[in-house]
N, C-alpha and C. Protein backbone atom coordinates (compact mmCIF):
# COMPACT_ATOMS: atom_id res chain seq x y z
N MET A 1 26.54 -46.38 -7.21
CA MET A 1 26.00 -46.47 -5.88
C MET A 1 24.90 -45.60 -5.32
N THR A 2 23.77 -46.12 -4.65
CA THR A 2 22.78 -45.31 -4.36
C THR A 2 22.84 -44.63 -3.04
N THR A 3 22.25 -43.86 -2.77
CA THR A 3 22.54 -43.09 -1.28
C THR A 3 20.81 -42.86 -0.92
N SER A 4 20.46 -43.21 0.39
CA SER A 4 19.21 -43.07 0.78
C SER A 4 19.03 -41.64 1.44
N THR A 5 17.73 -41.10 1.00
CA THR A 5 17.43 -39.86 1.27
C THR A 5 16.41 -39.87 2.36
N GLU A 6 16.48 -39.15 3.63
CA GLU A 6 15.42 -39.11 4.59
C GLU A 6 14.48 -38.16 4.39
N HIS A 7 13.28 -38.85 4.29
CA HIS A 7 12.02 -37.99 4.09
C HIS A 7 11.39 -37.71 5.32
N VAL A 8 10.73 -36.49 5.24
CA VAL A 8 9.94 -36.13 6.48
C VAL A 8 8.69 -37.02 6.70
N THR A 9 8.13 -37.20 8.00
CA THR A 9 7.04 -38.17 8.07
C THR A 9 6.07 -37.24 9.08
N TYR A 10 4.81 -37.00 8.80
CA TYR A 10 4.04 -36.57 9.66
C TYR A 10 2.99 -37.37 10.44
N GLY A 11 3.27 -38.68 10.36
CA GLY A 11 2.49 -39.70 11.28
C GLY A 11 1.00 -39.68 10.35
N ASN A 12 0.03 -40.10 11.18
CA ASN A 12 -0.98 -40.06 10.63
C ASN A 12 -2.08 -38.79 10.53
N ALA A 13 -1.21 -37.80 10.45
CA ALA A 13 -1.86 -36.51 10.65
C ALA A 13 -3.08 -36.46 9.76
N VAL A 14 -4.33 -36.14 10.36
CA VAL A 14 -5.50 -35.83 9.77
C VAL A 14 -6.12 -34.63 10.07
N CYS A 15 -6.55 -33.65 9.00
CA CYS A 15 -7.00 -32.47 9.29
C CYS A 15 -8.20 -32.35 9.93
N GLY A 16 -8.52 -31.72 10.84
CA GLY A 16 -9.79 -31.84 11.99
C GLY A 16 -9.15 -32.42 13.16
N ILE A 17 -7.98 -33.04 13.13
CA ILE A 17 -7.51 -33.42 14.43
C ILE A 17 -6.24 -32.73 14.82
N ASP A 18 -6.27 -31.95 15.74
CA ASP A 18 -5.02 -31.23 16.09
C ASP A 18 -4.02 -31.96 16.50
N GLY A 19 -2.57 -31.38 15.81
CA GLY A 19 -1.25 -31.98 16.23
C GLY A 19 -1.26 -31.55 17.68
N ALA A 20 -1.56 -30.50 18.01
CA ALA A 20 -1.25 -29.87 19.35
C ALA A 20 -2.56 -29.88 20.31
N SER A 21 -2.30 -30.19 21.42
CA SER A 21 -3.39 -30.18 22.42
C SER A 21 -3.76 -28.88 22.87
N LEU A 22 -2.64 -28.22 22.93
CA LEU A 22 -2.81 -26.53 23.40
C LEU A 22 -3.66 -25.77 22.31
N GLN A 23 -4.02 -24.68 22.75
CA GLN A 23 -4.94 -23.80 21.98
C GLN A 23 -3.90 -22.82 21.42
N ILE A 24 -2.97 -23.25 20.42
CA ILE A 24 -2.16 -22.55 19.87
C ILE A 24 -2.33 -21.74 18.65
N THR A 25 -2.35 -20.42 18.51
CA THR A 25 -2.43 -19.61 17.31
C THR A 25 -1.06 -18.99 17.00
N GLY A 26 -0.71 -19.09 15.88
CA GLY A 26 0.43 -18.78 15.31
C GLY A 26 0.52 -17.72 14.25
N CYS A 27 1.58 -16.85 13.99
CA CYS A 27 1.74 -16.12 12.91
C CYS A 27 3.03 -16.02 12.50
N ARG A 28 3.23 -16.16 11.06
CA ARG A 28 4.52 -16.09 10.72
C ARG A 28 4.58 -14.62 9.68
N PHE A 29 5.43 -14.09 9.85
CA PHE A 29 5.33 -12.77 8.78
C PHE A 29 6.69 -12.24 8.21
N SER A 30 6.53 -11.52 7.34
CA SER A 30 7.84 -10.97 6.66
C SER A 30 7.54 -9.42 6.24
N ALA A 31 8.09 -8.53 6.93
CA ALA A 31 7.91 -7.11 6.26
C ALA A 31 8.83 -6.61 5.39
N SER A 32 8.42 -5.83 4.56
CA SER A 32 9.72 -5.16 3.19
C SER A 32 9.45 -3.74 3.33
N PRO A 33 10.22 -3.07 4.16
CA PRO A 33 10.21 -1.31 3.97
C PRO A 33 11.14 -1.13 2.69
N LEU A 34 10.45 -0.39 1.78
CA LEU A 34 11.43 -0.21 0.63
C LEU A 34 12.05 0.95 0.63
N CYS A 35 13.14 1.00 1.29
CA CYS A 35 14.05 2.17 1.46
C CYS A 35 15.49 1.46 2.07
N ASP A 36 16.37 2.63 2.02
CA ASP A 36 17.83 2.08 2.18
C ASP A 36 18.14 1.54 3.68
N ASN A 37 17.43 2.32 4.56
CA ASN A 37 17.69 1.78 6.05
C ASN A 37 16.62 0.96 6.50
N PHE A 38 16.38 -0.29 5.74
CA PHE A 38 15.01 -0.91 5.92
C PHE A 38 15.58 -1.89 7.15
N VAL A 39 16.77 -2.33 7.31
CA VAL A 39 17.43 -3.18 8.33
C VAL A 39 17.10 -2.53 9.81
N ASP A 40 17.30 -1.13 9.90
CA ASP A 40 17.05 -0.35 11.22
C ASP A 40 15.78 -0.26 11.23
N ILE A 41 14.75 -0.14 10.35
CA ILE A 41 13.35 -0.22 10.62
C ILE A 41 12.86 -1.36 11.17
N LEU A 42 13.36 -2.45 10.52
CA LEU A 42 12.89 -3.69 11.00
C LEU A 42 13.28 -4.17 12.26
N MET A 43 14.64 -4.05 12.61
CA MET A 43 15.12 -4.37 13.79
C MET A 43 14.56 -3.49 14.94
N ASN A 44 14.22 -2.18 14.84
CA ASN A 44 13.59 -1.32 15.72
C ASN A 44 12.34 -1.75 16.10
N ALA A 45 11.62 -2.05 14.99
CA ALA A 45 10.18 -2.62 15.40
C ALA A 45 10.08 -3.74 15.93
N ILE A 46 11.21 -4.65 15.89
CA ILE A 46 11.17 -5.99 16.55
C ILE A 46 11.41 -5.56 17.93
N ALA A 47 12.38 -4.80 18.30
CA ALA A 47 12.81 -4.68 19.58
C ALA A 47 11.82 -3.91 20.33
N GLN A 48 11.03 -2.94 19.54
CA GLN A 48 9.91 -2.18 20.16
C GLN A 48 8.59 -2.95 20.57
N THR A 49 8.51 -4.26 20.07
CA THR A 49 7.27 -4.95 20.21
C THR A 49 7.55 -5.80 21.33
N ASP A 50 6.59 -5.65 22.33
CA ASP A 50 6.45 -6.47 23.69
C ASP A 50 5.92 -7.72 23.35
N THR A 51 6.81 -8.86 23.43
CA THR A 51 6.43 -10.07 23.19
C THR A 51 6.56 -10.88 24.50
N SER A 52 6.46 -10.27 25.72
CA SER A 52 6.31 -10.95 26.76
C SER A 52 5.28 -12.04 27.08
N LYS A 53 3.95 -11.88 26.26
CA LYS A 53 3.09 -12.76 26.32
C LYS A 53 2.68 -13.97 25.30
N ILE A 54 3.86 -13.80 24.38
CA ILE A 54 3.89 -14.85 23.27
C ILE A 54 5.16 -15.46 23.29
N TRP A 55 5.35 -16.63 22.20
CA TRP A 55 6.76 -17.14 22.01
C TRP A 55 7.09 -16.52 20.63
N SER A 56 8.29 -15.96 20.43
CA SER A 56 8.89 -15.33 19.23
C SER A 56 10.15 -15.86 18.89
N ASP A 57 10.32 -15.93 17.64
CA ASP A 57 11.54 -16.24 16.98
C ASP A 57 11.80 -15.61 15.60
N THR A 58 12.98 -14.87 15.20
CA THR A 58 13.18 -14.29 14.01
C THR A 58 14.38 -14.90 13.39
N ASP A 59 14.09 -15.23 12.19
CA ASP A 59 15.26 -15.93 11.40
C ASP A 59 15.80 -14.80 10.22
N GLU A 60 16.48 -15.44 9.21
CA GLU A 60 16.72 -14.62 8.26
C GLU A 60 15.72 -14.43 7.15
N MET A 61 14.48 -15.22 7.18
CA MET A 61 13.35 -15.19 6.47
C MET A 61 12.13 -14.35 6.96
N SER A 62 11.86 -14.62 8.17
CA SER A 62 10.87 -14.17 8.90
C SER A 62 10.75 -14.03 10.37
N THR A 63 9.66 -13.72 11.11
CA THR A 63 9.60 -13.72 12.15
C THR A 63 8.10 -14.65 12.49
N VAL A 64 8.27 -15.48 13.55
CA VAL A 64 6.99 -16.19 14.04
C VAL A 64 6.74 -15.98 15.47
N TYR A 65 5.26 -15.71 15.64
CA TYR A 65 4.82 -15.43 17.03
C TYR A 65 3.79 -16.58 17.29
N ARG A 66 3.82 -17.27 18.58
CA ARG A 66 2.96 -18.17 18.83
C ARG A 66 2.44 -18.04 20.21
N GLY A 67 1.01 -18.55 20.47
CA GLY A 67 0.57 -18.09 21.89
C GLY A 67 -1.07 -18.02 21.59
N ARG A 68 -1.81 -17.38 22.59
CA ARG A 68 -3.00 -17.14 22.52
C ARG A 68 -3.41 -16.11 21.33
N ASP A 69 -4.52 -16.16 20.73
CA ASP A 69 -5.02 -15.52 19.44
C ASP A 69 -4.85 -13.84 20.06
N ILE A 70 -5.37 -13.53 20.69
CA ILE A 70 -5.36 -11.93 21.26
C ILE A 70 -4.03 -11.59 21.34
N HIS A 71 -3.18 -12.26 21.94
CA HIS A 71 -1.60 -11.89 22.17
C HIS A 71 -0.86 -11.88 21.01
N VAL A 72 -1.16 -12.85 20.03
CA VAL A 72 -0.42 -13.09 18.82
C VAL A 72 -0.88 -11.85 18.06
N VAL A 73 -1.97 -11.50 17.61
CA VAL A 73 -2.49 -10.39 16.76
C VAL A 73 -2.10 -9.27 17.37
N ASP A 74 -1.97 -9.02 18.74
CA ASP A 74 -1.53 -7.62 19.40
C ASP A 74 -0.27 -7.33 19.32
N ALA A 75 0.80 -8.50 18.90
CA ALA A 75 2.11 -8.19 18.68
C ALA A 75 2.53 -7.88 17.32
N VAL A 76 1.56 -8.90 16.20
CA VAL A 76 1.70 -8.54 14.97
C VAL A 76 1.22 -7.23 14.72
N ARG A 77 0.05 -6.56 15.24
CA ARG A 77 -0.24 -5.24 15.13
C ARG A 77 0.76 -4.29 15.55
N ALA A 78 1.31 -4.35 16.83
CA ALA A 78 2.34 -3.46 17.38
C ALA A 78 3.76 -3.56 16.27
N PHE A 79 4.04 -4.67 15.84
CA PHE A 79 5.20 -4.75 14.90
C PHE A 79 5.04 -3.90 13.86
N PHE A 80 3.91 -3.99 13.29
CA PHE A 80 3.49 -3.18 11.74
C PHE A 80 3.42 -1.88 12.00
N THR A 81 2.71 -1.29 12.87
CA THR A 81 2.45 -0.06 13.12
C THR A 81 3.72 0.65 13.48
N GLY A 82 4.58 -0.21 14.43
CA GLY A 82 5.92 0.46 14.88
C GLY A 82 6.90 0.31 13.62
N ALA A 83 6.80 -0.29 12.77
CA ALA A 83 7.74 -0.33 11.55
C ALA A 83 7.23 0.61 10.60
N GLU A 84 6.09 1.25 10.50
CA GLU A 84 5.67 2.06 9.61
C GLU A 84 6.31 3.52 9.69
N GLN A 85 6.68 3.91 8.74
CA GLN A 85 7.31 5.23 8.48
C GLN A 85 6.80 6.11 7.67
N PRO A 86 6.43 7.44 7.83
CA PRO A 86 6.03 8.48 6.75
C PRO A 86 6.51 8.55 5.51
N ASN A 87 5.94 8.33 4.45
CA ASN A 87 6.52 8.23 2.92
C ASN A 87 7.47 7.18 2.65
N VAL A 88 7.38 6.13 3.49
CA VAL A 88 8.36 4.93 3.26
C VAL A 88 7.18 3.71 2.90
N HIS A 89 7.16 3.06 1.57
CA HIS A 89 6.39 2.38 1.07
C HIS A 89 6.89 1.02 1.86
N MET A 90 5.87 0.16 2.61
CA MET A 90 6.33 -1.17 3.01
C MET A 90 5.20 -2.02 2.89
N THR A 91 5.37 -3.23 2.58
CA THR A 91 4.54 -4.39 2.39
C THR A 91 4.86 -5.38 3.83
N MET A 92 3.72 -6.25 3.91
CA MET A 92 3.92 -7.15 5.11
C MET A 92 3.02 -8.32 4.53
N GLU A 93 3.80 -9.48 4.53
CA GLU A 93 3.02 -10.88 4.24
C GLU A 93 3.03 -11.68 5.72
N ALA A 94 1.64 -11.86 5.99
CA ALA A 94 1.44 -12.55 7.22
C ALA A 94 0.64 -13.66 6.89
N THR A 95 0.99 -14.74 7.65
CA THR A 95 0.08 -16.22 7.57
C THR A 95 -0.24 -16.59 8.99
N PHE A 96 -1.49 -16.35 9.39
CA PHE A 96 -2.07 -16.66 10.44
C PHE A 96 -2.51 -18.33 10.72
N SER A 97 -2.60 -19.03 11.66
CA SER A 97 -2.83 -20.53 11.55
C SER A 97 -3.10 -20.90 12.84
N LYS A 98 -3.97 -22.16 12.94
CA LYS A 98 -4.35 -22.62 14.22
C LYS A 98 -4.76 -24.05 13.75
N GLY A 99 -4.52 -25.18 14.53
CA GLY A 99 -5.01 -26.30 14.54
C GLY A 99 -4.44 -27.33 13.61
N CYS A 100 -3.15 -26.90 12.86
CA CYS A 100 -2.52 -27.95 11.78
C CYS A 100 -2.37 -29.09 12.56
N PRO A 101 -2.69 -30.34 12.02
CA PRO A 101 -2.44 -31.69 12.38
C PRO A 101 -0.89 -31.95 12.42
N GLY A 102 -0.14 -30.99 11.73
CA GLY A 102 1.40 -31.34 12.04
C GLY A 102 2.15 -30.36 13.10
N ASP A 103 1.12 -29.88 13.82
CA ASP A 103 1.52 -28.93 14.74
C ASP A 103 1.96 -29.72 16.07
N ARG A 104 2.78 -29.26 16.97
CA ARG A 104 2.91 -29.85 18.35
C ARG A 104 2.88 -28.84 19.54
N ASP A 105 3.03 -29.58 20.46
CA ASP A 105 2.89 -28.52 21.83
C ASP A 105 4.17 -28.16 22.19
N ALA A 106 4.67 -27.18 21.53
CA ALA A 106 6.12 -26.78 21.50
C ALA A 106 6.23 -25.45 21.34
N ASP A 107 7.26 -24.53 21.60
CA ASP A 107 7.60 -23.25 21.34
C ASP A 107 6.44 -22.39 21.31
N VAL A 108 5.58 -22.12 22.64
CA VAL A 108 4.66 -21.77 22.73
C VAL A 108 4.58 -21.08 24.24
N TYR A 109 3.71 -19.92 24.24
CA TYR A 109 3.53 -19.09 25.69
C TYR A 109 2.30 -18.82 25.73
N LEU A 110 1.24 -19.50 26.59
CA LEU A 110 -0.09 -19.17 26.38
C LEU A 110 -0.51 -18.37 27.90
N ASP A 111 -0.46 -17.05 27.70
CA ASP A 111 -0.50 -16.30 28.90
C ASP A 111 -2.22 -16.23 29.15
N GLU A 112 -2.48 -16.40 30.39
CA GLU A 112 -4.12 -16.36 30.69
C GLU A 112 -4.56 -15.23 30.74
N ASN A 113 -3.71 -13.94 31.17
CA ASN A 113 -4.37 -12.65 31.39
C ASN A 113 -4.68 -12.23 30.14
N ASP A 114 -5.93 -11.46 29.97
CA ASP A 114 -6.28 -10.86 28.63
C ASP A 114 -5.85 -9.37 28.47
N GLU A 115 -4.95 -8.71 29.45
CA GLU A 115 -4.57 -7.50 29.15
C GLU A 115 -3.36 -7.55 28.23
N LEU A 116 -3.70 -6.68 27.08
CA LEU A 116 -2.68 -6.58 25.87
C LEU A 116 -1.35 -5.80 26.28
N ALA A 117 -0.11 -6.63 25.79
CA ALA A 117 1.22 -5.91 26.12
C ALA A 117 1.20 -4.73 25.23
N ASN A 118 0.88 -4.69 24.12
CA ASN A 118 1.02 -3.55 23.16
C ASN A 118 -0.26 -2.70 22.83
N ALA A 119 -1.07 -2.58 24.08
CA ALA A 119 -2.20 -1.64 23.76
C ALA A 119 -2.05 -0.38 23.35
N HIS A 120 -0.93 0.24 23.77
CA HIS A 120 -0.53 1.70 23.35
C HIS A 120 -0.51 1.82 22.03
N MET A 121 -0.12 0.94 21.13
CA MET A 121 0.25 1.00 19.73
C MET A 121 -1.26 1.15 19.04
N ARG A 122 -2.34 1.16 19.61
CA ARG A 122 -3.64 1.30 19.13
C ARG A 122 -4.11 2.96 18.92
N ASN A 123 -3.05 3.65 19.55
CA ASN A 123 -3.26 5.22 19.20
C ASN A 123 -2.38 5.71 18.09
N LYS A 124 -1.89 4.91 17.34
CA LYS A 124 -1.24 5.14 16.01
C LYS A 124 -2.37 4.99 14.82
N HIS A 125 -2.30 5.76 14.19
CA HIS A 125 -3.40 5.89 12.89
C HIS A 125 -2.57 6.23 11.64
N PHE A 126 -3.13 5.32 10.44
CA PHE A 126 -2.52 5.58 9.29
C PHE A 126 -3.26 4.79 8.14
N PRO A 127 -3.68 5.16 6.93
CA PRO A 127 -4.34 4.33 5.88
C PRO A 127 -3.62 3.15 5.54
N VAL A 128 -4.36 2.02 5.34
CA VAL A 128 -3.70 0.75 4.66
C VAL A 128 -4.75 0.07 3.99
N ARG A 129 -3.95 -0.43 2.97
CA ARG A 129 -4.56 -1.31 1.94
C ARG A 129 -4.16 -2.95 2.17
N ALA A 130 -4.91 -3.74 2.01
CA ALA A 130 -4.66 -5.03 2.55
C ALA A 130 -5.56 -6.13 1.38
N LYS A 131 -4.81 -7.35 1.26
CA LYS A 131 -5.66 -8.33 0.61
C LYS A 131 -5.54 -9.59 1.80
N ILE A 132 -6.72 -10.28 1.59
CA ILE A 132 -6.77 -11.49 2.55
C ILE A 132 -7.32 -12.57 1.55
N ALA A 133 -6.83 -13.87 2.13
CA ALA A 133 -7.33 -14.99 1.62
C ALA A 133 -7.50 -16.15 2.68
N LEU A 134 -8.89 -16.58 3.06
CA LEU A 134 -9.00 -17.68 3.85
C LEU A 134 -9.26 -18.84 3.39
N TYR A 135 -8.48 -19.87 4.01
CA TYR A 135 -8.50 -21.25 3.78
C TYR A 135 -8.98 -22.19 4.82
N PRO A 136 -10.19 -22.67 5.36
CA PRO A 136 -10.69 -23.37 6.24
C PRO A 136 -10.40 -24.84 5.70
N MET A 137 -9.75 -25.40 6.36
CA MET A 137 -9.00 -26.95 5.94
C MET A 137 -10.12 -28.08 6.68
N GLY A 138 -10.35 -29.04 5.63
CA GLY A 138 -10.84 -30.34 6.45
C GLY A 138 -12.49 -30.04 6.67
N VAL A 139 -13.12 -29.20 5.88
CA VAL A 139 -14.53 -28.87 6.41
C VAL A 139 -15.14 -28.82 4.84
N ASP A 140 -16.43 -29.36 4.94
CA ASP A 140 -17.21 -29.41 3.54
C ASP A 140 -17.80 -27.93 3.38
N ASP A 141 -18.17 -27.25 4.28
CA ASP A 141 -18.77 -26.25 4.39
C ASP A 141 -18.04 -24.90 4.16
N TYR A 142 -16.66 -24.94 3.67
CA TYR A 142 -15.75 -24.06 3.84
C TYR A 142 -16.21 -22.53 3.12
N MET A 143 -16.80 -22.56 2.14
CA MET A 143 -17.36 -21.41 1.48
C MET A 143 -18.30 -20.60 2.30
N HIS A 144 -19.02 -21.25 3.31
CA HIS A 144 -19.85 -20.51 4.19
C HIS A 144 -18.96 -19.74 5.16
N HIS A 145 -17.84 -20.39 5.72
CA HIS A 145 -16.87 -19.38 6.75
C HIS A 145 -16.29 -18.40 5.62
N ILE A 146 -15.81 -18.68 4.68
CA ILE A 146 -15.28 -17.51 3.81
C ILE A 146 -16.25 -16.39 3.59
N ALA A 147 -17.63 -16.76 3.21
CA ALA A 147 -18.54 -15.81 3.15
C ALA A 147 -18.63 -14.93 4.21
N HIS A 148 -18.81 -15.72 5.39
CA HIS A 148 -19.07 -14.95 6.77
C HIS A 148 -18.03 -13.98 7.19
N VAL A 149 -16.70 -14.44 6.77
CA VAL A 149 -15.54 -13.40 7.05
C VAL A 149 -15.55 -12.40 6.09
N VAL A 150 -15.95 -12.54 4.89
CA VAL A 150 -15.98 -11.47 3.75
C VAL A 150 -17.08 -10.37 4.00
N ASN A 151 -18.14 -10.91 4.58
CA ASN A 151 -19.36 -10.22 4.84
C ASN A 151 -19.10 -9.33 6.30
N HIS A 152 -18.29 -9.69 7.16
CA HIS A 152 -18.02 -9.05 8.37
C HIS A 152 -17.01 -7.82 7.69
N ALA A 153 -16.39 -8.07 6.86
CA ALA A 153 -15.35 -6.90 6.36
C ALA A 153 -16.33 -5.67 5.65
N ILE A 154 -17.53 -6.32 5.09
CA ILE A 154 -18.37 -5.48 4.54
C ILE A 154 -19.16 -4.51 5.56
N ASP A 155 -19.62 -5.36 6.57
CA ASP A 155 -20.39 -4.68 7.71
C ASP A 155 -19.35 -3.57 8.43
N ALA A 156 -18.03 -3.88 8.56
CA ALA A 156 -16.93 -3.00 9.17
C ALA A 156 -16.70 -2.00 8.39
N GLY A 157 -16.98 -1.75 6.99
CA GLY A 157 -16.72 -0.81 6.15
C GLY A 157 -15.40 -0.68 5.69
N ILE A 158 -14.82 -1.61 5.73
CA ILE A 158 -13.42 -2.00 5.14
C ILE A 158 -13.22 -2.62 3.88
N TYR A 159 -14.43 -3.33 3.23
CA TYR A 159 -14.15 -4.12 2.16
C TYR A 159 -14.12 -3.05 1.09
N SER A 160 -13.22 -3.35 0.19
CA SER A 160 -12.86 -2.48 -1.15
C SER A 160 -13.51 -3.40 -2.37
N HIS A 161 -12.97 -4.59 -2.55
CA HIS A 161 -13.42 -5.44 -3.70
C HIS A 161 -12.88 -6.82 -3.66
N THR A 162 -13.76 -7.83 -4.37
CA THR A 162 -13.17 -9.09 -4.56
C THR A 162 -12.63 -9.45 -5.84
N ALA A 163 -11.45 -9.97 -6.18
CA ALA A 163 -10.87 -10.32 -7.09
C ALA A 163 -10.43 -11.83 -7.05
N HIS A 164 -9.59 -12.20 -8.28
CA HIS A 164 -9.41 -13.68 -8.21
C HIS A 164 -8.31 -13.79 -7.36
N TYR A 165 -8.70 -15.00 -6.11
CA TYR A 165 -8.08 -15.29 -5.12
C TYR A 165 -7.92 -14.62 -3.98
N ASN A 166 -8.47 -13.40 -4.01
CA ASN A 166 -8.16 -12.40 -2.80
C ASN A 166 -9.48 -11.53 -2.74
N THR A 167 -9.59 -11.20 -1.36
CA THR A 167 -10.60 -10.00 -1.29
C THR A 167 -9.63 -8.87 -0.61
N TYR A 168 -10.16 -7.63 -1.22
CA TYR A 168 -9.23 -6.56 -1.01
C TYR A 168 -9.74 -5.71 0.05
N LEU A 169 -9.15 -5.02 1.13
CA LEU A 169 -9.64 -4.12 1.96
C LEU A 169 -8.90 -3.01 2.15
N ALA A 170 -9.55 -1.84 2.57
CA ALA A 170 -8.88 -0.57 2.57
C ALA A 170 -9.42 0.38 3.95
N GLY A 171 -8.47 0.84 4.97
CA GLY A 171 -8.96 1.45 6.03
C GLY A 171 -7.79 2.07 7.08
N ASP A 172 -8.25 2.48 8.26
CA ASP A 172 -7.34 2.69 9.05
C ASP A 172 -6.62 1.39 9.59
N VAL A 173 -5.32 1.58 9.82
CA VAL A 173 -4.49 0.53 10.34
C VAL A 173 -5.28 -0.41 11.58
N GLN A 174 -5.88 0.50 12.53
CA GLN A 174 -6.51 -0.21 13.72
C GLN A 174 -7.55 -0.91 13.21
N ASP A 175 -8.60 -0.32 12.33
CA ASP A 175 -9.70 -1.08 11.67
C ASP A 175 -9.39 -2.35 11.03
N ILE A 176 -8.41 -2.25 10.28
CA ILE A 176 -7.78 -3.55 9.77
C ILE A 176 -7.54 -4.33 10.57
N PHE A 177 -6.59 -4.10 11.53
CA PHE A 177 -6.22 -4.94 12.44
C PHE A 177 -7.18 -5.52 13.74
N ASP A 178 -8.21 -4.83 13.71
CA ASP A 178 -9.44 -5.09 14.50
C ASP A 178 -10.21 -6.34 13.74
N TYR A 179 -10.34 -6.00 12.42
CA TYR A 179 -10.67 -7.13 11.58
C TYR A 179 -10.21 -8.39 11.54
N ILE A 180 -8.73 -8.12 11.40
CA ILE A 180 -7.78 -9.50 11.76
C ILE A 180 -8.18 -10.30 13.02
N ALA A 181 -8.12 -9.45 14.06
CA ALA A 181 -8.36 -9.92 15.28
C ALA A 181 -9.71 -10.82 15.40
N TRP A 182 -10.81 -10.21 14.65
CA TRP A 182 -11.90 -10.84 14.81
C TRP A 182 -11.97 -11.90 13.92
N THR A 183 -11.49 -12.12 12.84
CA THR A 183 -11.47 -13.32 12.01
C THR A 183 -10.58 -14.41 12.56
N VAL A 184 -9.53 -14.10 13.17
CA VAL A 184 -8.54 -15.10 13.84
C VAL A 184 -9.45 -15.71 14.95
N ASN A 185 -10.01 -14.84 15.62
CA ASN A 185 -10.98 -15.40 16.73
C ASN A 185 -12.18 -16.31 16.15
N TYR A 186 -12.76 -15.83 15.21
CA TYR A 186 -13.84 -16.73 14.69
C TYR A 186 -13.45 -18.00 14.06
N CYS A 187 -12.30 -17.85 13.40
CA CYS A 187 -11.87 -19.09 12.50
C CYS A 187 -11.43 -20.04 13.73
N GLY A 188 -10.52 -19.55 14.83
CA GLY A 188 -10.08 -20.41 15.83
C GLY A 188 -11.21 -21.19 16.77
N SER A 189 -12.45 -20.25 16.55
CA SER A 189 -13.45 -20.91 17.38
C SER A 189 -14.47 -21.85 16.67
N ASN A 190 -14.30 -21.67 15.29
CA ASN A 190 -15.41 -22.42 14.58
C ASN A 190 -14.81 -23.56 13.46
N ILE A 191 -13.47 -23.54 13.13
CA ILE A 191 -12.93 -24.15 12.38
C ILE A 191 -11.45 -25.16 12.93
N HIS A 192 -11.69 -26.37 12.72
CA HIS A 192 -10.44 -27.04 13.24
C HIS A 192 -9.25 -26.44 13.05
N HIS A 193 -9.08 -26.57 11.53
CA HIS A 193 -7.54 -26.01 11.07
C HIS A 193 -7.97 -24.94 10.06
N TYR A 194 -7.51 -23.74 10.25
CA TYR A 194 -7.46 -22.84 9.38
C TYR A 194 -6.12 -21.99 8.70
N ILE A 195 -6.02 -21.47 7.42
CA ILE A 195 -4.87 -20.70 7.21
C ILE A 195 -5.43 -19.35 6.86
N PHE A 196 -4.98 -18.26 7.33
CA PHE A 196 -5.62 -16.95 6.89
C PHE A 196 -4.22 -16.15 6.41
N GLU A 197 -4.42 -15.89 5.02
CA GLU A 197 -3.32 -15.09 4.45
C GLU A 197 -3.56 -13.60 4.33
N VAL A 198 -2.56 -12.81 5.08
CA VAL A 198 -2.75 -11.30 4.75
C VAL A 198 -1.67 -10.54 3.94
N THR A 199 -2.02 -9.77 3.39
CA THR A 199 -0.92 -8.64 2.81
C THR A 199 -1.26 -7.38 3.08
N LEU A 200 -0.45 -6.72 3.72
CA LEU A 200 -0.67 -5.26 4.26
C LEU A 200 0.26 -4.27 3.33
N SER A 201 -0.29 -3.16 2.91
CA SER A 201 0.70 -2.31 2.11
C SER A 201 0.38 -0.93 2.65
N VAL A 202 1.37 -0.25 3.03
CA VAL A 202 1.22 1.27 3.43
C VAL A 202 2.13 2.16 2.61
N HIS A 203 1.46 3.70 2.36
CA HIS A 203 2.27 4.45 1.51
C HIS A 203 2.79 4.01 0.30
N SER A 204 1.98 3.32 -0.54
CA SER A 204 2.39 2.88 -1.89
C SER A 204 2.44 4.02 -2.85
N PRO A 205 3.37 4.23 -3.42
CA PRO A 205 3.33 5.26 -4.73
C PRO A 205 2.30 5.39 -5.72
N SER A 206 1.81 4.03 -5.89
CA SER A 206 0.77 3.81 -6.75
C SER A 206 -0.62 4.19 -6.32
N VAL A 207 -0.76 4.37 -4.95
CA VAL A 207 -2.00 4.92 -4.28
C VAL A 207 -1.94 5.86 -3.47
N SER A 208 -2.31 6.92 -3.56
CA SER A 208 -2.09 8.26 -2.48
C SER A 208 -2.71 7.86 -1.29
N ASP A 209 -2.38 8.25 -0.15
CA ASP A 209 -3.00 8.11 1.10
C ASP A 209 -4.41 8.47 1.13
N ASP A 210 -4.78 9.46 0.62
CA ASP A 210 -6.08 9.97 0.35
C ASP A 210 -6.84 9.09 -0.33
N GLU A 211 -6.38 8.16 -1.16
CA GLU A 211 -7.13 7.25 -2.00
C GLU A 211 -7.47 5.77 -0.83
N GLN A 212 -6.60 5.85 -0.09
CA GLN A 212 -6.70 4.39 0.95
C GLN A 212 -8.14 4.10 1.47
């Protein structure tokens, strides 16, 4: 006896043709504080992040924010800076994206006001290391966009080095997130569909804060 298996379908999705008509930027992220009270740290950071200008959802694996790019990055910045605890090693994996042909006009709040809901979190400073990887989709000149983004990190003074499959950054958390905000805006304005992978690390025992 055979049973039929239902497969997914994305219709005639073509990279370069947005599946959503709205200008939706999204970020899905997972943070990992390496300490016994990690649940309290994560839940407090989620609760303290003002998500009034974006759509948000948290499940057992990760959290997703969707909305205008400036408000999505603002909320991710607030979550990470709010979750940081002195002497607690924490990493966070984040995927920013816009223009996926499989996306749809749902689960989104596009606030037209440019005032940032979490601007007060810009007053918190600590050293961070990061690695990034940009994937411009459906374009022939993708290396041009990758080089432009890496060169901006060099100009911003946060570039550390390039390794296989990643570019490494180091600097103050606010400088790192200013760079993320710039990259997300650049990609959203110049590439139909992009994926921007970011890994953040703070207070790693293998790297002293003075070396960040």
